[in-house]
Amino acid sequence: MINITLPDGAVRQYEKGTSALDVAKSISEGLARKVLAANINGHVWDATRPINEDASLKLLTWNDTDGQMTFWHSSAHLMAEAVEAMYPGVKFWVGPALESPKGFYYDMDLGD
């Protein structure tokens, strides 16, 4: 078993390999539907990544800057995949998530 410490200081035990999303589901299905990512020991992780040791956990939703940044980062990659499917050979340069102004972009060269 591993110990997961929540932001309120509560400690819960889970099986090794449990994910942040599993923890969210054990708290509330509604919360689990809102989770975009997780902060594990001070690092932002995919919510489905297995946790294999004792950890502090903060579930990240749209209400958290790190949750928004994760959403926008993933959205940039999805947009790039769609553009690449429509314009084979497109060249990508940079596509960061932005805190201010909020959102994301991708610089690209479509060629001709």
C-alpha atoms as a PDB file:
ATOM      1  CA  MET A   1       0.000   0.000   0.000  1.00  0.00           C
ATOM      2  CA  ILE A   2       1.037   3.621  -0.565  1.00  0.00           C
ATOM      3  CA  ASN A   3       0.012   6.721   1.372  1.00  0.00           C
ATOM      4  CA  ILE A   4      -1.494   9.595  -0.595  1.00  0.00           C
ATOM      5  CA  THR A   5      -1.598  12.928   1.207  1.00  0.00           C
ATOM      6  CA  LEU A   6      -4.347  15.266   0.005  1.00  0.00           C
ATOM      7  CA  PRO A   7      -4.180  19.098   0.165  1.00  0.00           C
ATOM      8  CA  ASP A   8      -6.266  19.187   3.368  1.00  0.00           C
ATOM      9  CA  GLY A   9      -3.681  16.971   5.087  1.00  0.00           C
ATOM     10  CA  ALA A  10      -5.809  13.826   4.983  1.00  0.00           C
ATOM     11  CA  VAL A  11      -3.843  10.657   4.245  1.00  0.00           C
ATOM     12  CA  ARG A  12      -5.485   7.790   2.359  1.00  0.00           C
ATOM     13  CA  GLN A  13      -4.042   4.406   1.516  1.00  0.00           C
ATOM     14  CA  TYR A  14      -4.202   2.957  -1.985  1.00  0.00           C
ATOM     15  CA  GLU A  15      -2.675   0.054  -3.875  1.00  0.00           C
ATOM     16  CA  LYS A  16       0.688   0.737  -5.507  1.00  0.00           C
ATOM     17  CA  GLY A  17       0.054   1.752  -9.135  1.00  0.00           C
ATOM     18  CA  THR A  18      -3.102   3.694  -8.346  1.00  0.00           C
ATOM     19  CA  SER A  19      -3.524   6.803 -10.506  1.00  0.00           C
ATOM     20  CA  ALA A  20      -4.635  10.293  -9.519  1.00  0.00           C
ATOM     21  CA  LEU A  21      -7.808   9.635 -11.494  1.00  0.00           C
ATOM     22  CA  ASP A  22      -8.430   6.510  -9.382  1.00  0.00           C
ATOM     23  CA  VAL A  23      -8.029   8.631  -6.252  1.00  0.00           C
ATOM     24  CA  ALA A  24     -10.464  11.213  -7.646  1.00  0.00           C
ATOM     25  CA  LYS A  25     -13.018   8.482  -8.398  1.00  0.00           C
ATOM     26  CA  SER A  26     -12.694   7.162  -4.847  1.00  0.00           C
ATOM     27  CA  ILE A  27     -13.591  10.643  -3.576  1.00  0.00           C
ATOM     28  CA  SER A  28     -16.344  11.545  -6.048  1.00  0.00           C
ATOM     29  CA  GLU A  29     -17.370  10.618  -9.599  1.00  0.00           C
ATOM     30  CA  GLY A  30     -18.201  14.290 -10.176  1.00  0.00           C
ATOM     31  CA  LEU A  31     -14.699  15.316  -9.154  1.00  0.00           C
ATOM     32  CA  ALA A  32     -13.173  12.636 -11.379  1.00  0.00           C
ATOM     33  CA  ARG A  33     -15.034  14.064 -14.393  1.00  0.00           C
ATOM     34  CA  LYS A  34     -13.424  17.460 -13.752  1.00  0.00           C
ATOM     35  CA  VAL A  35      -9.821  16.281 -13.314  1.00  0.00           C
ATOM     36  CA  LEU A  36      -7.474  17.391 -16.115  1.00  0.00           C
ATOM     37  CA  ALA A  37      -4.134  16.452 -14.544  1.00  0.00           C
ATOM     38  CA  ALA A  38      -2.511  16.030 -11.140  1.00  0.00           C
ATOM     39  CA  ASN A  39       0.256  17.605  -9.132  1.00  0.00           C
ATOM     40  CA  ILE A  40       2.272  14.769  -7.595  1.00  0.00           C
ATOM     41  CA  ASN A  41       5.008  15.828  -5.181  1.00  0.00           C
ATOM     42  CA  GLY A  42       5.211  19.235  -6.876  1.00  0.00           C
ATOM     43  CA  HIS A  43       5.242  17.942 -10.478  1.00  0.00           C
ATOM     44  CA  VAL A  44       2.362  18.022 -12.978  1.00  0.00           C
ATOM     45  CA  TRP A  45       1.490  14.510 -14.190  1.00  0.00           C
ATOM     46  CA  ASP A  46      -1.034  12.901 -16.475  1.00  0.00           C
ATOM     47  CA  ALA A  47      -3.978  11.904 -14.259  1.00  0.00           C
ATOM     48  CA  THR A  48      -3.740   8.273 -15.431  1.00  0.00           C
ATOM     49  CA  ARG A  49      -0.025   7.815 -14.662  1.00  0.00           C
ATOM     50  CA  PRO A  50       0.523   5.183 -11.947  1.00  0.00           C
ATOM     51  CA  ILE A  51       1.670   6.379  -8.538  1.00  0.00           C
ATOM     52  CA  ASN A  52       4.090   3.819  -7.092  1.00  0.00           C
ATOM     53  CA  GLU A  53       5.235   5.433  -3.860  1.00  0.00           C
ATOM     54  CA  ASP A  54       3.947   7.636  -1.052  1.00  0.00           C
ATOM     55  CA  ALA A  55       3.040  11.030  -2.492  1.00  0.00           C
ATOM     56  CA  SER A  56       1.331  14.326  -1.939  1.00  0.00           C
ATOM     57  CA  LEU A  57      -1.456  14.818  -4.466  1.00  0.00           C
ATOM     58  CA  LYS A  58      -3.406  17.789  -5.739  1.00  0.00           C
ATOM     59  CA  LEU A  59      -6.040  17.044  -8.357  1.00  0.00           C
ATOM     60  CA  LEU A  60      -5.984  19.721 -11.057  1.00  0.00           C
ATOM     61  CA  THR A  61      -9.180  20.999 -12.679  1.00  0.00           C
ATOM     62  CA  TRP A  62     -10.050  23.960 -14.881  1.00  0.00           C
ATOM     63  CA  ASN A  63     -10.034  26.079 -11.704  1.00  0.00           C
ATOM     64  CA  ASP A  64      -6.245  25.593 -11.382  1.00  0.00           C
ATOM     65  CA  THR A  65      -3.693  27.375 -13.564  1.00  0.00           C
ATOM     66  CA  ASP A  66      -1.761  24.109 -14.004  1.00  0.00           C
ATOM     67  CA  GLY A  67      -4.998  22.395 -15.066  1.00  0.00           C
ATOM     68  CA  GLN A  68      -5.636  25.061 -17.694  1.00  0.00           C
ATOM     69  CA  MET A  69      -2.033  24.949 -18.923  1.00  0.00           C
ATOM     70  CA  THR A  70      -2.224  21.152 -19.267  1.00  0.00           C
ATOM     71  CA  PHE A  71      -5.493  21.446 -21.196  1.00  0.00           C
ATOM     72  CA  TRP A  72      -4.040  24.037 -23.576  1.00  0.00           C
ATOM     73  CA  HIS A  73      -0.789  22.110 -24.034  1.00  0.00           C
ATOM     74  CA  SER A  74      -2.746  18.988 -24.996  1.00  0.00           C
ATOM     75  CA  SER A  75      -5.035  21.059 -27.245  1.00  0.00           C
ATOM     76  CA  ALA A  76      -2.021  22.414 -29.140  1.00  0.00           C
ATOM     77  CA  HIS A  77      -0.882  18.855 -29.857  1.00  0.00           C
ATOM     78  CA  LEU A  78      -4.373  17.818 -30.993  1.00  0.00           C
ATOM     79  CA  MET A  79      -4.601  20.830 -33.287  1.00  0.00           C
ATOM     80  CA  ALA A  80      -1.180  19.981 -34.758  1.00  0.00           C
ATOM     81  CA  GLU A  81      -2.326  16.409 -35.455  1.00  0.00           C
ATOM     82  CA  ALA A  82      -5.452  17.711 -37.230  1.00  0.00           C
ATOM     83  CA  VAL A  83      -3.502  20.259 -39.292  1.00  0.00           C
ATOM     84  CA  GLU A  84      -0.926  17.620 -40.237  1.00  0.00           C
ATOM     85  CA  ALA A  85      -3.720  15.316 -41.438  1.00  0.00           C
ATOM     86  CA  MET A  86      -5.136  18.118 -43.599  1.00  0.00           C
ATOM     87  CA  TYR A  87      -1.789  19.485 -44.809  1.00  0.00           C
ATOM     88  CA  PRO A  88       0.797  16.682 -45.106  1.00  0.00           C
ATOM     89  CA  GLY A  89       4.316  18.053 -44.900  1.00  0.00           C
ATOM     90  CA  VAL A  90       3.376  21.015 -42.713  1.00  0.00           C
ATOM     91  CA  LYS A  91       6.331  22.240 -40.681  1.00  0.00           C
ATOM     92  CA  PHE A  92       5.738  23.088 -37.026  1.00  0.00           C
ATOM     93  CA  TRP A  93       7.914  25.401 -35.010  1.00  0.00           C
ATOM     94  CA  VAL A  94       6.523  26.176 -31.557  1.00  0.00           C
ATOM     95  CA  GLY A  95       3.119  25.760 -29.936  1.00  0.00           C
ATOM     96  CA  PRO A  96       3.053  26.647 -26.269  1.00  0.00           C
ATOM     97  CA  ALA A  97       0.243  27.028 -23.806  1.00  0.00           C
ATOM     98  CA  LEU A  98      -0.047  30.643 -22.673  1.00  0.00           C
ATOM     99  CA  GLU A  99      -0.915  31.957 -19.247  1.00  0.00           C
ATOM    100  CA  SER A 100      -1.403  35.521 -20.521  1.00  0.00           C
ATOM    101  CA  PRO A 101      -3.210  35.905 -22.774  1.00  0.00           C
ATOM    102  CA  LYS A 102      -4.847  32.609 -21.846  1.00  0.00           C
ATOM    103  CA  GLY A 103      -4.877  29.892 -24.482  1.00  0.00           C
ATOM    104  CA  PHE A 104      -2.414  28.359 -26.930  1.00  0.00           C
ATOM    105  CA  TYR A 105      -1.065  28.717 -30.443  1.00  0.00           C
ATOM    106  CA  TYR A 106       1.140  26.910 -32.918  1.00  0.00           C
ATOM    107  CA  ASP A 107       3.510  28.543 -35.398  1.00  0.00           C
ATOM    108  CA  MET A 108       3.517  26.536 -38.622  1.00  0.00           C
ATOM    109  CA  ASP A 109       4.564  26.716 -42.247  1.00  0.00           C
ATOM    110  CA  LEU A 110       1.992  25.199 -44.611  1.00  0.00           C
ATOM    111  CA  GLY A 111       4.368  25.530 -47.575  1.00  0.00           C
ATOM    112  CA  ASP A 112       2.804  26.809 -50.777  1.00  0.00           C
END
